[in-house]
Amino acid sequence: MKAAKETVVAIEYTLKDDQGNVIDASGDRGPMEYLHGAQNIIPGLEQQIEGLIAGESRSVTVPPELGYGVFNEKLVQRVPISSFGGHAVQPGMRFHAETNLGMRVLLIREVLDQEVVLDGNHGLAGKTLHFDIKVVSVRAAELSEVAHGHPHSSGGCCSGGGCGCSH
């Protein structure tokens, strides 16, 4: 069976940056399963997996536009340090915030005397991504998986632990 819309695909992968540094890898976690065609992974990677069968390997380069997007300076802003209500803040901290674009993860880039510099870009925005992938398995998705938009582990939806999808 080929990777196509409404199939569950399991891949082993290594993700590297332009310098060849490993950013992430499936490694000991085992293969990553996703529902093909349901926007579970970045578009550029999904496009390159389309049509592959179990056992096939491929090296894939994904430009920012098909990955986590181009870096957007408009998502970097300064806010008064008083906005944090006296809580200690440090560069590198991340938090969730409701923005005019909806809920986003923000990174504290810099802490100044009276201001904090926040960044709403994804950590890999603006980066070209290099994947080495191997397709481990491809199977037809179950109707409930298609309805919920993601694959289910053995034991039911999210191994019976509840996934937040409405059943």
N, C-alpha and C. Protein backbone atom coordinates (compact mmCIF):
# COMPACT_ATOMS: atom_id res chain seq x y z
N MET A 1 0.84 -1.17 0.00
CA MET A 1 0.00 0.00 0.00
C MET A 1 0.89 1.24 0.00
N LYS A 2 0.48 2.23 -0.77
CA LYS A 2 1.23 3.48 -0.88
C LYS A 2 0.70 4.53 0.10
N ALA A 3 1.59 5.40 0.57
CA ALA A 3 1.17 6.53 1.41
C ALA A 3 0.29 7.44 0.57
N ALA A 4 -0.92 7.65 1.03
CA ALA A 4 -1.90 8.47 0.32
C ALA A 4 -2.90 8.98 1.35
N LYS A 5 -3.78 9.88 0.90
CA LYS A 5 -4.79 10.42 1.79
C LYS A 5 -5.56 9.28 2.46
N GLU A 6 -5.82 9.46 3.76
CA GLU A 6 -6.55 8.51 4.58
C GLU A 6 -5.82 7.19 4.79
N THR A 7 -4.49 7.25 4.78
CA THR A 7 -3.69 6.12 5.23
C THR A 7 -2.93 6.56 6.47
N VAL A 8 -2.63 5.60 7.34
CA VAL A 8 -1.80 5.86 8.50
C VAL A 8 -0.39 5.40 8.14
N VAL A 9 0.54 6.35 8.23
CA VAL A 9 1.92 6.10 7.83
C VAL A 9 2.79 6.19 9.08
N ALA A 10 3.71 5.24 9.21
CA ALA A 10 4.69 5.28 10.30
C ALA A 10 6.06 5.49 9.67
N ILE A 11 6.79 6.49 10.17
CA ILE A 11 8.12 6.77 9.64
C ILE A 11 9.14 6.85 10.77
N GLU A 12 10.36 6.43 10.45
CA GLU A 12 11.52 6.73 11.27
C GLU A 12 12.17 7.92 10.59
N TYR A 13 12.68 8.87 11.38
CA TYR A 13 13.25 10.07 10.76
C TYR A 13 14.38 10.64 11.60
N THR A 14 15.23 11.37 10.90
CA THR A 14 16.23 12.23 11.52
C THR A 14 16.09 13.58 10.84
N LEU A 15 15.98 14.63 11.63
CA LEU A 15 15.84 16.00 11.14
C LEU A 15 17.12 16.75 11.44
N LYS A 16 17.70 17.38 10.39
CA LYS A 16 18.95 18.14 10.55
C LYS A 16 18.78 19.55 10.01
N ASP A 17 19.64 20.45 10.50
CA ASP A 17 19.66 21.82 9.97
C ASP A 17 20.64 21.90 8.81
N ASP A 18 20.85 23.10 8.28
CA ASP A 18 21.74 23.28 7.13
C ASP A 18 23.19 22.87 7.40
N GLN A 19 23.59 22.91 8.67
CA GLN A 19 24.96 22.55 9.03
C GLN A 19 25.10 21.06 9.34
N GLY A 20 24.01 20.31 9.25
CA GLY A 20 24.06 18.88 9.51
C GLY A 20 23.86 18.52 10.97
N ASN A 21 23.53 19.50 11.81
CA ASN A 21 23.27 19.22 13.23
C ASN A 21 21.90 18.57 13.38
N VAL A 22 21.84 17.52 14.17
CA VAL A 22 20.56 16.83 14.40
C VAL A 22 19.69 17.69 15.31
N ILE A 23 18.49 18.01 14.82
CA ILE A 23 17.51 18.79 15.57
C ILE A 23 16.57 17.85 16.32
N ASP A 24 16.18 16.75 15.66
CA ASP A 24 15.25 15.79 16.24
C ASP A 24 15.41 14.47 15.50
N ALA A 25 15.03 13.40 16.16
CA ALA A 25 15.04 12.08 15.54
C ALA A 25 14.05 11.19 16.26
N SER A 26 13.46 10.27 15.52
CA SER A 26 12.51 9.35 16.15
C SER A 26 13.23 8.42 17.12
N GLY A 27 14.43 7.98 16.78
CA GLY A 27 15.28 7.20 17.66
C GLY A 27 14.58 6.21 18.57
N ASP A 28 14.83 6.35 19.88
CA ASP A 28 14.29 5.42 20.88
C ASP A 28 12.78 5.53 21.05
N ARG A 29 12.18 6.62 20.58
CA ARG A 29 10.72 6.77 20.69
C ARG A 29 10.01 5.82 19.74
N GLY A 30 10.73 5.34 18.76
CA GLY A 30 10.10 4.48 17.76
C GLY A 30 9.51 5.30 16.64
N PRO A 31 8.95 4.64 15.64
CA PRO A 31 8.41 5.36 14.48
C PRO A 31 7.30 6.33 14.87
N MET A 32 7.20 7.41 14.11
CA MET A 32 6.14 8.40 14.29
C MET A 32 5.00 8.03 13.34
N GLU A 33 3.81 7.88 13.88
CA GLU A 33 2.63 7.60 13.07
C GLU A 33 1.82 8.87 12.85
N TYR A 34 1.31 9.03 11.67
CA TYR A 34 0.45 10.18 11.37
C TYR A 34 -0.59 9.78 10.33
N LEU A 35 -1.66 10.56 10.27
CA LEU A 35 -2.71 10.35 9.27
C LEU A 35 -2.38 11.18 8.05
N HIS A 36 -2.05 10.53 6.96
CA HIS A 36 -1.64 11.22 5.74
C HIS A 36 -2.82 12.01 5.17
N GLY A 37 -2.56 13.26 4.81
CA GLY A 37 -3.59 14.11 4.22
C GLY A 37 -4.40 14.89 5.23
N ALA A 38 -4.09 14.76 6.53
CA ALA A 38 -4.86 15.44 7.57
C ALA A 38 -4.08 16.58 8.22
N GLN A 39 -3.02 17.03 7.57
CA GLN A 39 -2.20 18.13 8.06
C GLN A 39 -1.61 17.83 9.44
N ASN A 40 -1.22 16.56 9.66
CA ASN A 40 -0.59 16.17 10.91
C ASN A 40 0.90 16.48 10.92
N ILE A 41 1.50 16.62 9.74
CA ILE A 41 2.93 16.95 9.63
C ILE A 41 3.08 18.10 8.64
N ILE A 42 4.27 18.67 8.59
CA ILE A 42 4.49 19.82 7.70
C ILE A 42 4.26 19.42 6.24
N PRO A 43 3.73 20.35 5.45
CA PRO A 43 3.35 20.04 4.07
C PRO A 43 4.50 19.51 3.21
N GLY A 44 5.68 20.10 3.33
CA GLY A 44 6.80 19.69 2.48
C GLY A 44 7.25 18.26 2.73
N LEU A 45 7.15 17.81 3.96
CA LEU A 45 7.51 16.43 4.28
C LEU A 45 6.41 15.49 3.78
N GLU A 46 5.16 15.85 4.03
CA GLU A 46 4.06 15.00 3.59
C GLU A 46 4.06 14.83 2.07
N GLN A 47 4.35 15.91 1.34
CA GLN A 47 4.40 15.83 -0.13
C GLN A 47 5.46 14.83 -0.59
N GLN A 48 6.59 14.78 0.11
CA GLN A 48 7.68 13.89 -0.29
C GLN A 48 7.43 12.43 0.10
N ILE A 49 6.54 12.22 1.07
CA ILE A 49 6.21 10.85 1.49
C ILE A 49 5.10 10.26 0.61
N GLU A 50 4.29 11.13 0.01
CA GLU A 50 3.19 10.70 -0.85
C GLU A 50 3.68 9.65 -1.86
N GLY A 51 2.99 8.51 -1.90
CA GLY A 51 3.31 7.47 -2.87
C GLY A 51 4.37 6.47 -2.44
N LEU A 52 5.03 6.70 -1.30
CA LEU A 52 6.04 5.75 -0.84
C LEU A 52 5.36 4.54 -0.21
N ILE A 53 6.10 3.42 -0.18
CA ILE A 53 5.60 2.20 0.43
C ILE A 53 6.53 1.81 1.58
N ALA A 54 6.07 0.90 2.43
CA ALA A 54 6.87 0.43 3.55
C ALA A 54 8.22 -0.07 3.05
N GLY A 55 9.26 0.32 3.75
CA GLY A 55 10.62 -0.09 3.40
C GLY A 55 11.38 0.94 2.60
N GLU A 56 10.69 1.89 1.99
CA GLU A 56 11.37 2.92 1.20
C GLU A 56 11.98 3.99 2.10
N SER A 57 13.15 4.47 1.69
CA SER A 57 13.85 5.54 2.40
C SER A 57 14.08 6.69 1.45
N ARG A 58 14.24 7.88 2.02
CA ARG A 58 14.44 9.05 1.19
C ARG A 58 15.05 10.16 2.03
N SER A 59 15.89 10.96 1.39
CA SER A 59 16.38 12.20 1.99
C SER A 59 15.56 13.33 1.38
N VAL A 60 15.06 14.22 2.25
CA VAL A 60 14.12 15.25 1.84
C VAL A 60 14.60 16.60 2.36
N THR A 61 14.57 17.61 1.49
CA THR A 61 14.85 18.98 1.91
C THR A 61 13.56 19.78 1.82
N VAL A 62 13.20 20.44 2.93
CA VAL A 62 11.96 21.19 3.00
C VAL A 62 12.28 22.66 3.22
N PRO A 63 11.90 23.53 2.27
CA PRO A 63 12.14 24.96 2.44
C PRO A 63 11.19 25.53 3.50
N PRO A 64 11.52 26.68 4.08
CA PRO A 64 10.68 27.27 5.13
C PRO A 64 9.21 27.40 4.74
N GLU A 65 8.94 27.76 3.50
CA GLU A 65 7.56 27.96 3.05
C GLU A 65 6.72 26.69 3.16
N LEU A 66 7.35 25.52 3.09
CA LEU A 66 6.63 24.25 3.19
C LEU A 66 6.90 23.55 4.51
N GLY A 67 7.60 24.28 5.41
CA GLY A 67 7.90 23.74 6.74
C GLY A 67 7.12 24.51 7.79
N TYR A 68 7.85 25.28 8.58
CA TYR A 68 7.22 26.04 9.67
C TYR A 68 7.06 27.51 9.32
N GLY A 69 7.17 27.83 8.04
CA GLY A 69 6.94 29.19 7.58
C GLY A 69 8.20 30.04 7.60
N VAL A 70 8.11 31.17 6.93
CA VAL A 70 9.22 32.12 6.93
C VAL A 70 9.19 32.89 8.25
N PHE A 71 10.34 33.37 8.69
CA PHE A 71 10.40 34.13 9.93
C PHE A 71 9.65 35.44 9.73
N ASN A 72 8.75 35.76 10.65
CA ASN A 72 7.91 36.95 10.54
C ASN A 72 8.27 37.92 11.66
N GLU A 73 8.92 39.02 11.29
CA GLU A 73 9.32 40.04 12.28
C GLU A 73 8.12 40.62 13.02
N LYS A 74 6.93 40.59 12.39
CA LYS A 74 5.73 41.13 13.05
C LYS A 74 5.33 40.31 14.27
N LEU A 75 5.85 39.08 14.37
CA LEU A 75 5.54 38.23 15.52
C LEU A 75 6.53 38.44 16.66
N VAL A 76 7.46 39.39 16.49
CA VAL A 76 8.40 39.76 17.55
C VAL A 76 7.94 41.11 18.08
N GLN A 77 7.73 41.18 19.39
CA GLN A 77 7.27 42.44 19.97
C GLN A 77 7.84 42.63 21.36
N ARG A 78 7.80 43.87 21.79
CA ARG A 78 8.25 44.24 23.13
C ARG A 78 7.02 44.54 23.98
N VAL A 79 7.03 44.02 25.20
CA VAL A 79 5.95 44.30 26.14
C VAL A 79 6.56 44.76 27.45
N PRO A 80 5.84 45.56 28.22
CA PRO A 80 6.37 45.99 29.51
C PRO A 80 6.61 44.78 30.43
N ILE A 81 7.71 44.80 31.14
CA ILE A 81 8.02 43.70 32.06
C ILE A 81 6.93 43.57 33.12
N SER A 82 6.24 44.66 33.40
CA SER A 82 5.15 44.64 34.38
C SER A 82 4.00 43.74 33.94
N SER A 83 3.93 43.42 32.64
CA SER A 83 2.89 42.52 32.12
C SER A 83 2.98 41.12 32.73
N PHE A 84 4.13 40.79 33.32
CA PHE A 84 4.34 39.46 33.88
C PHE A 84 4.03 39.41 35.38
N GLY A 85 3.47 40.51 35.90
CA GLY A 85 2.99 40.52 37.28
C GLY A 85 4.02 40.17 38.33
N GLY A 86 5.26 40.54 38.09
CA GLY A 86 6.31 40.28 39.08
C GLY A 86 6.92 38.89 39.00
N HIS A 87 6.42 38.03 38.10
CA HIS A 87 7.02 36.70 37.95
C HIS A 87 8.39 36.82 37.31
N ALA A 88 9.31 35.99 37.75
CA ALA A 88 10.65 35.98 37.17
C ALA A 88 10.58 35.50 35.73
N VAL A 89 11.20 36.24 34.84
CA VAL A 89 11.25 35.84 33.43
C VAL A 89 12.71 35.80 32.99
N GLN A 90 12.99 34.83 32.11
CA GLN A 90 14.35 34.66 31.61
C GLN A 90 14.30 34.35 30.12
N PRO A 91 15.34 34.74 29.38
CA PRO A 91 15.39 34.37 27.97
C PRO A 91 15.32 32.85 27.82
N GLY A 92 14.57 32.41 26.82
CA GLY A 92 14.43 30.98 26.56
C GLY A 92 13.15 30.39 27.12
N MET A 93 12.52 31.09 28.06
CA MET A 93 11.25 30.59 28.61
C MET A 93 10.17 30.67 27.54
N ARG A 94 9.25 29.70 27.58
CA ARG A 94 8.12 29.67 26.65
C ARG A 94 6.83 29.65 27.46
N PHE A 95 5.79 30.23 26.90
CA PHE A 95 4.49 30.21 27.54
C PHE A 95 3.40 30.35 26.49
N HIS A 96 2.19 29.95 26.85
CA HIS A 96 1.03 30.07 25.96
C HIS A 96 0.34 31.40 26.24
N ALA A 97 -0.09 32.05 25.18
CA ALA A 97 -0.80 33.32 25.33
C ALA A 97 -1.86 33.44 24.24
N GLU A 98 -2.97 34.04 24.60
CA GLU A 98 -4.02 34.33 23.63
C GLU A 98 -3.61 35.60 22.89
N THR A 99 -3.53 35.52 21.55
CA THR A 99 -3.15 36.67 20.74
C THR A 99 -4.25 36.95 19.72
N ASN A 100 -4.07 38.00 18.94
CA ASN A 100 -5.05 38.28 17.89
C ASN A 100 -5.02 37.20 16.80
N LEU A 101 -4.03 36.30 16.82
CA LEU A 101 -3.96 35.17 15.90
C LEU A 101 -4.41 33.88 16.57
N GLY A 102 -4.99 33.99 17.76
CA GLY A 102 -5.39 32.81 18.52
C GLY A 102 -4.31 32.43 19.52
N MET A 103 -4.46 31.25 20.13
CA MET A 103 -3.51 30.77 21.12
C MET A 103 -2.17 30.48 20.44
N ARG A 104 -1.10 31.01 21.01
CA ARG A 104 0.24 30.81 20.44
C ARG A 104 1.22 30.53 21.56
N VAL A 105 2.29 29.83 21.20
CA VAL A 105 3.42 29.65 22.12
C VAL A 105 4.37 30.81 21.85
N LEU A 106 4.71 31.54 22.89
CA LEU A 106 5.63 32.67 22.77
C LEU A 106 6.94 32.33 23.47
N LEU A 107 8.03 32.79 22.88
CA LEU A 107 9.37 32.61 23.43
C LEU A 107 9.84 33.95 23.96
N ILE A 108 10.42 33.94 25.15
CA ILE A 108 11.05 35.15 25.67
C ILE A 108 12.46 35.18 25.09
N ARG A 109 12.68 36.12 24.19
CA ARG A 109 13.98 36.25 23.53
C ARG A 109 14.98 37.01 24.37
N GLU A 110 14.49 38.08 25.01
CA GLU A 110 15.39 38.98 25.71
C GLU A 110 14.62 39.66 26.84
N VAL A 111 15.31 39.88 27.96
CA VAL A 111 14.73 40.61 29.07
C VAL A 111 15.57 41.87 29.25
N LEU A 112 14.92 43.02 29.08
CA LEU A 112 15.58 44.31 29.23
C LEU A 112 15.18 44.91 30.58
N ASP A 113 15.65 46.10 30.87
CA ASP A 113 15.31 46.72 32.16
C ASP A 113 13.82 46.85 32.36
N GLN A 114 13.10 47.38 31.38
CA GLN A 114 11.67 47.65 31.53
C GLN A 114 10.80 46.87 30.56
N GLU A 115 11.41 46.10 29.67
CA GLU A 115 10.66 45.41 28.62
C GLU A 115 11.13 43.97 28.47
N VAL A 116 10.24 43.18 27.88
CA VAL A 116 10.56 41.80 27.52
C VAL A 116 10.31 41.67 26.02
N VAL A 117 11.26 41.06 25.30
CA VAL A 117 11.11 40.84 23.87
C VAL A 117 10.54 39.43 23.67
N LEU A 118 9.35 39.36 23.07
CA LEU A 118 8.64 38.10 22.83
C LEU A 118 8.67 37.74 21.35
N ASP A 119 8.71 36.45 21.07
CA ASP A 119 8.74 35.96 19.69
C ASP A 119 7.66 34.90 19.53
N GLY A 120 6.71 35.13 18.63
CA GLY A 120 5.63 34.19 18.36
C GLY A 120 5.88 33.26 17.20
N ASN A 121 7.07 33.34 16.59
CA ASN A 121 7.41 32.43 15.49
C ASN A 121 7.68 31.04 16.05
N HIS A 122 7.41 30.03 15.24
CA HIS A 122 7.82 28.67 15.59
C HIS A 122 9.34 28.65 15.65
N GLY A 123 9.89 27.84 16.50
CA GLY A 123 11.35 27.76 16.65
C GLY A 123 12.09 27.38 15.37
N LEU A 124 11.41 26.75 14.43
CA LEU A 124 12.05 26.36 13.17
C LEU A 124 11.60 27.23 12.00
N ALA A 125 10.89 28.32 12.29
CA ALA A 125 10.47 29.24 11.23
C ALA A 125 11.71 29.82 10.55
N GLY A 126 11.65 29.91 9.23
CA GLY A 126 12.76 30.48 8.47
C GLY A 126 13.89 29.51 8.19
N LYS A 127 13.77 28.29 8.66
CA LYS A 127 14.86 27.32 8.49
C LYS A 127 14.52 26.30 7.41
N THR A 128 15.54 25.96 6.62
CA THR A 128 15.44 24.85 5.68
C THR A 128 15.69 23.58 6.48
N LEU A 129 14.82 22.60 6.32
CA LEU A 129 14.88 21.37 7.09
C LEU A 129 15.32 20.22 6.22
N HIS A 130 16.17 19.36 6.77
CA HIS A 130 16.70 18.22 6.03
C HIS A 130 16.32 16.94 6.79
N PHE A 131 15.51 16.11 6.16
CA PHE A 131 15.04 14.88 6.78
C PHE A 131 15.64 13.67 6.08
N ASP A 132 16.02 12.68 6.85
CA ASP A 132 16.29 11.34 6.36
C ASP A 132 15.14 10.51 6.91
N ILE A 133 14.34 9.93 6.02
CA ILE A 133 13.16 9.20 6.47
C ILE A 133 13.18 7.77 5.94
N LYS A 134 12.51 6.91 6.69
CA LYS A 134 12.25 5.55 6.23
C LYS A 134 10.80 5.25 6.58
N VAL A 135 10.04 4.82 5.58
CA VAL A 135 8.66 4.44 5.81
C VAL A 135 8.67 3.04 6.41
N VAL A 136 8.11 2.93 7.60
CA VAL A 136 8.08 1.65 8.31
C VAL A 136 6.81 0.87 7.97
N SER A 137 5.68 1.59 7.89
CA SER A 137 4.43 0.91 7.55
C SER A 137 3.44 1.90 6.97
N VAL A 138 2.51 1.36 6.21
CA VAL A 138 1.39 2.13 5.64
C VAL A 138 0.18 1.22 5.73
N ARG A 139 -0.90 1.75 6.29
CA ARG A 139 -2.15 0.98 6.36
C ARG A 139 -3.32 1.91 6.12
N ALA A 140 -4.44 1.32 5.75
CA ALA A 140 -5.66 2.10 5.58
C ALA A 140 -6.10 2.63 6.93
N ALA A 141 -6.50 3.88 6.97
CA ALA A 141 -6.99 4.46 8.23
C ALA A 141 -8.38 3.92 8.53
N GLU A 142 -8.67 3.77 9.82
CA GLU A 142 -10.00 3.39 10.25
C GLU A 142 -10.92 4.61 10.13
N LEU A 143 -12.22 4.38 9.99
CA LEU A 143 -13.17 5.48 9.85
C LEU A 143 -13.08 6.45 11.03
N SER A 144 -12.91 5.93 12.24
CA SER A 144 -12.82 6.81 13.41
C SER A 144 -11.55 7.66 13.36
N GLU A 145 -10.47 7.14 12.81
CA GLU A 145 -9.23 7.91 12.68
C GLU A 145 -9.41 9.05 11.69
N VAL A 146 -10.07 8.77 10.58
CA VAL A 146 -10.35 9.81 9.59
C VAL A 146 -11.25 10.87 10.21
N ALA A 147 -12.26 10.44 10.94
CA ALA A 147 -13.20 11.38 11.57
C ALA A 147 -12.51 12.26 12.60
N HIS A 148 -11.57 11.68 13.36
CA HIS A 148 -10.88 12.42 14.41
C HIS A 148 -9.67 13.18 13.89
N GLY A 149 -9.18 12.83 12.71
CA GLY A 149 -8.06 13.55 12.11
C GLY A 149 -6.69 13.12 12.56
N HIS A 150 -6.60 11.95 13.22
CA HIS A 150 -5.30 11.43 13.66
C HIS A 150 -5.39 9.92 13.87
N PRO A 151 -4.24 9.25 13.85
CA PRO A 151 -4.26 7.80 14.08
C PRO A 151 -4.52 7.49 15.55
N HIS A 152 -5.09 6.32 15.80
CA HIS A 152 -5.34 5.86 17.16
C HIS A 152 -4.38 4.73 17.50
N SER A 153 -3.91 4.74 18.72
CA SER A 153 -3.02 3.68 19.19
C SER A 153 -3.84 2.44 19.48
N SER A 154 -3.15 1.32 19.68
CA SER A 154 -3.89 0.12 20.06
C SER A 154 -4.54 0.39 21.41
N GLY A 155 -5.72 -0.12 21.61
CA GLY A 155 -6.46 0.14 22.84
C GLY A 155 -7.48 1.23 22.65
N GLY A 156 -7.69 1.68 21.41
CA GLY A 156 -8.70 2.71 21.15
C GLY A 156 -8.06 4.06 20.96
N CYS A 157 -8.91 5.07 20.95
CA CYS A 157 -8.44 6.44 20.73
C CYS A 157 -7.42 6.82 21.79
N CYS A 158 -6.20 7.09 21.36
CA CYS A 158 -5.13 7.53 22.25
C CYS A 158 -4.92 6.55 23.39
N SER A 159 -4.99 5.26 23.09
CA SER A 159 -4.81 4.16 24.05
C SER A 159 -5.80 4.23 25.20
N GLY A 160 -6.98 4.76 24.94
CA GLY A 160 -8.01 4.84 25.96
C GLY A 160 -7.80 6.02 26.91
N GLY A 161 -6.74 6.80 26.71
CA GLY A 161 -6.44 7.90 27.62
C GLY A 161 -7.16 9.19 27.29
N GLY A 162 -7.91 9.19 26.22
CA GLY A 162 -8.63 10.41 25.83
C GLY A 162 -7.70 11.35 25.09
N CYS A 163 -8.15 11.85 23.98
CA CYS A 163 -7.30 12.69 23.16
C CYS A 163 -7.87 14.09 23.01
N GLY A 164 -9.02 14.33 23.62
CA GLY A 164 -9.62 15.65 23.49
C GLY A 164 -10.47 15.79 22.24
N CYS A 165 -10.49 14.76 21.39
CA CYS A 165 -11.35 14.86 20.22
C CYS A 165 -12.76 14.46 20.64
N SER A 166 -13.74 15.04 20.02
CA SER A 166 -15.12 14.74 20.41
C SER A 166 -15.56 13.46 19.74
N HIS A 167 -15.99 12.52 20.54
CA HIS A 167 -16.42 11.21 20.04
C HIS A 167 -17.92 11.14 20.02
